[in-house]
């Protein structure tokens, strides 16, 4: 074990840590500092031996900072957020339903998005207004409000 900090300071780090993941890793390092073997620490913490070894190697490599989880964030979307803004501008005037938008995106960008994915981008992420199409009565006169208004 590489002694990046004295044991007392390590215990203070452990007791003051708010992140549960880092706290558990600091606990493992503290036990290793106190002379426990990696297998014993794995049993005490109810973690796998390989996990404890990985935490030990991370500590030896970079100390406290190396114990923090490093989430990368996942893969890039096939159609970027700026492209979805362009799609919404193009589709806005056409009065398309979500099914029509799905077909439009799939043919224009060569992707195979499901209906739920299109709904997620259009409604959840971009907060596009929900315009439910409904049929217009062709027999309705243009001045229907005036016709129905009672004269005074």
Protein backbone atom coordinates (compact mmCIF):
# COMPACT_ATOMS: atom_id res chain seq x y z
CA UNK A 1 0.00 0.00 0.00
CA UNK A 2 1.22 3.43 -0.94
CA UNK A 3 0.90 5.78 2.04
CA UNK A 4 -0.44 8.92 0.33
CA UNK A 5 -1.69 10.28 3.65
CA UNK A 6 -1.20 9.34 7.31
CA UNK A 7 -3.72 6.88 8.78
CA UNK A 8 -5.34 9.53 11.00
CA UNK A 9 -5.95 11.82 8.04
CA UNK A 10 -7.33 8.87 6.05
CA UNK A 11 -9.78 8.13 8.87
CA UNK A 12 -10.90 11.77 8.86
CA UNK A 13 -11.44 11.56 5.10
CA UNK A 14 -13.48 8.38 5.61
CA UNK A 15 -15.64 9.85 8.38
CA UNK A 16 -16.24 13.10 6.51
CA UNK A 17 -17.05 11.61 3.11
CA UNK A 18 -20.64 12.13 1.90
CA UNK A 19 -20.53 9.98 -1.26
CA UNK A 20 -21.38 6.40 -0.28
CA UNK A 21 -19.29 4.84 -3.03
CA UNK A 22 -16.15 6.77 -2.13
CA UNK A 23 -16.78 6.19 1.58
CA UNK A 24 -16.86 2.41 1.07
CA UNK A 25 -13.65 2.54 -0.94
CA UNK A 26 -11.98 4.65 1.74
CA UNK A 27 -13.11 2.11 4.31
CA UNK A 28 -11.40 -0.64 2.31
CA UNK A 29 -8.20 1.40 2.05
CA UNK A 30 -8.32 2.16 5.78
CA UNK A 31 -8.59 -1.56 6.57
CA UNK A 32 -5.70 -2.28 4.21
CA UNK A 33 -3.67 0.43 5.98
CA UNK A 34 -4.35 -1.35 9.27
CA UNK A 35 -2.79 -4.57 7.99
CA UNK A 36 -5.76 -6.57 6.73
CA UNK A 37 -5.29 -8.64 3.59
CA UNK A 38 -7.40 -7.86 0.52
CA UNK A 39 -9.31 -11.14 0.93
CA UNK A 40 -10.19 -10.27 4.52
CA UNK A 41 -11.34 -6.80 3.51
CA UNK A 42 -13.52 -8.33 0.80
CA UNK A 43 -15.20 -10.55 3.38
CA UNK A 44 -15.66 -7.70 5.88
CA UNK A 45 -17.19 -5.35 3.28
CA UNK A 46 -19.04 -8.17 1.50
CA UNK A 47 -17.48 -7.27 -1.81
CA UNK A 48 -15.55 -9.34 -4.30
CA UNK A 49 -11.83 -9.82 -3.97
CA UNK A 50 -11.27 -8.35 -7.43
CA UNK A 51 -13.23 -5.23 -6.47
CA UNK A 52 -11.09 -4.65 -3.38
CA UNK A 53 -7.94 -5.19 -5.46
CA UNK A 54 -9.20 -2.65 -8.02
CA UNK A 55 -9.79 -0.11 -5.25
CA UNK A 56 -6.34 -0.80 -3.80
CA UNK A 57 -4.70 -0.36 -7.22
CA UNK A 58 -6.62 2.88 -7.75
CA UNK A 59 -5.43 4.18 -4.37
CA UNK A 60 -1.84 3.24 -5.14
CA UNK A 61 -2.09 4.93 -8.53
CA UNK A 62 -3.71 8.22 -7.56
CA UNK A 63 -4.77 8.40 -3.93
CA UNK A 64 -8.10 9.86 -2.87
CA UNK A 65 -8.98 11.32 -6.28
CA UNK A 66 -8.54 7.94 -7.96
CA UNK A 67 -11.22 6.42 -5.70
CA UNK A 68 -13.92 8.76 -7.03
CA UNK A 69 -16.12 7.18 -9.72
CA UNK A 70 -15.55 8.53 -13.21
CA UNK A 71 -18.78 8.36 -15.20
CA UNK A 72 -18.23 9.01 -18.88
CA UNK A 73 -21.87 9.67 -19.78
CA UNK A 74 -22.77 7.07 -22.41
CA UNK A 75 -22.72 7.08 -26.18
CA UNK A 76 -23.43 9.99 -28.51
CA UNK A 77 -26.95 10.10 -29.99
CA UNK A 78 -27.27 9.21 -33.67
CA UNK A 79 -29.08 12.51 -34.31
CA UNK A 80 -27.62 15.40 -32.30
CA UNK A 81 -29.62 17.86 -30.23
CA UNK A 82 -28.99 20.68 -32.72
CA UNK A 83 -30.30 18.47 -35.54
CA UNK A 84 -33.48 17.87 -33.51
CA UNK A 85 -33.91 21.66 -33.27
CA UNK A 86 -33.68 21.84 -37.08
CA UNK A 87 -36.12 18.95 -37.45
CA UNK A 88 -38.65 20.67 -35.20
CA UNK A 89 -38.37 23.89 -37.21
CA UNK A 90 -38.95 21.97 -40.46
CA UNK A 91 -41.84 19.96 -39.06
CA UNK A 92 -43.59 22.81 -37.22
CA UNK A 93 -45.29 24.30 -40.29
CA UNK A 94 -46.30 20.93 -41.75
CA UNK A 95 -48.59 19.88 -38.89
CA UNK A 96 -47.13 16.39 -38.66
CA UNK A 97 -48.02 13.79 -36.07
CA UNK A 98 -45.32 12.00 -34.11
CA UNK A 99 -45.67 8.99 -36.41
CA UNK A 100 -45.03 11.25 -39.42
CA UNK A 101 -42.02 12.81 -37.65
CA UNK A 102 -40.67 9.30 -36.99
CA UNK A 103 -40.89 8.38 -40.68
CA UNK A 104 -39.39 11.75 -41.68
CA UNK A 105 -36.40 11.42 -39.32
CA UNK A 106 -35.77 7.78 -40.24
CA UNK A 107 -35.75 8.48 -43.98
CA UNK A 108 -33.85 11.80 -43.89
CA UNK A 109 -31.08 10.76 -41.46
CA UNK A 110 -30.90 7.04 -42.23
CA UNK A 111 -31.59 5.94 -38.66
CA UNK A 112 -34.14 3.52 -37.25
CA UNK A 113 -35.71 5.38 -34.32
CA UNK A 114 -38.71 3.84 -32.60
CA UNK A 115 -41.83 5.87 -31.90
CA UNK A 116 -40.91 6.13 -28.21
CA UNK A 117 -37.49 7.59 -29.06
CA UNK A 118 -39.06 10.26 -31.28
CA UNK A 119 -41.60 11.02 -28.54
CA UNK A 120 -38.77 11.32 -26.00
CA UNK A 121 -36.83 13.83 -28.11
CA UNK A 122 -39.81 15.87 -29.31
CA UNK A 123 -41.93 15.98 -26.16
CA UNK A 124 -39.55 15.37 -23.23
CA UNK A 125 -36.25 16.90 -24.31
CA UNK A 126 -37.35 19.68 -26.68
CA UNK A 127 -40.70 20.44 -25.00
CA UNK A 128 -42.45 20.86 -28.36
CA UNK A 129 -46.09 21.90 -27.96
CA UNK A 130 -48.54 19.06 -28.17
CA UNK A 131 -50.75 19.76 -31.19
CA UNK A 132 -53.30 17.00 -31.51
CA UNK A 133 -54.68 16.99 -35.06
CA UNK A 134 -58.43 16.77 -35.43
CA UNK A 135 -60.66 16.71 -38.54
CA UNK A 136 -62.29 19.98 -39.57
CA UNK A 137 -65.94 19.94 -40.61
CA UNK A 138 -66.03 20.96 -44.26
CA UNK A 139 -69.66 22.10 -43.98
CA UNK A 140 -68.82 24.73 -41.38
CA UNK A 141 -69.16 28.25 -42.75
CA UNK A 142 -66.25 30.66 -42.49
CA UNK A 143 -68.25 33.10 -40.35
CA UNK A 144 -69.72 30.49 -37.98
CA UNK A 145 -69.18 32.60 -34.86
CA UNK A 146 -71.07 35.54 -36.37
CA UNK A 147 -73.93 33.33 -37.54
CA UNK A 148 -74.37 31.80 -34.10
CA UNK A 149 -74.06 35.09 -32.24
CA UNK A 150 -77.44 36.40 -31.09
CA UNK A 151 -78.29 39.90 -32.29
CA UNK A 152 -79.09 42.41 -29.52
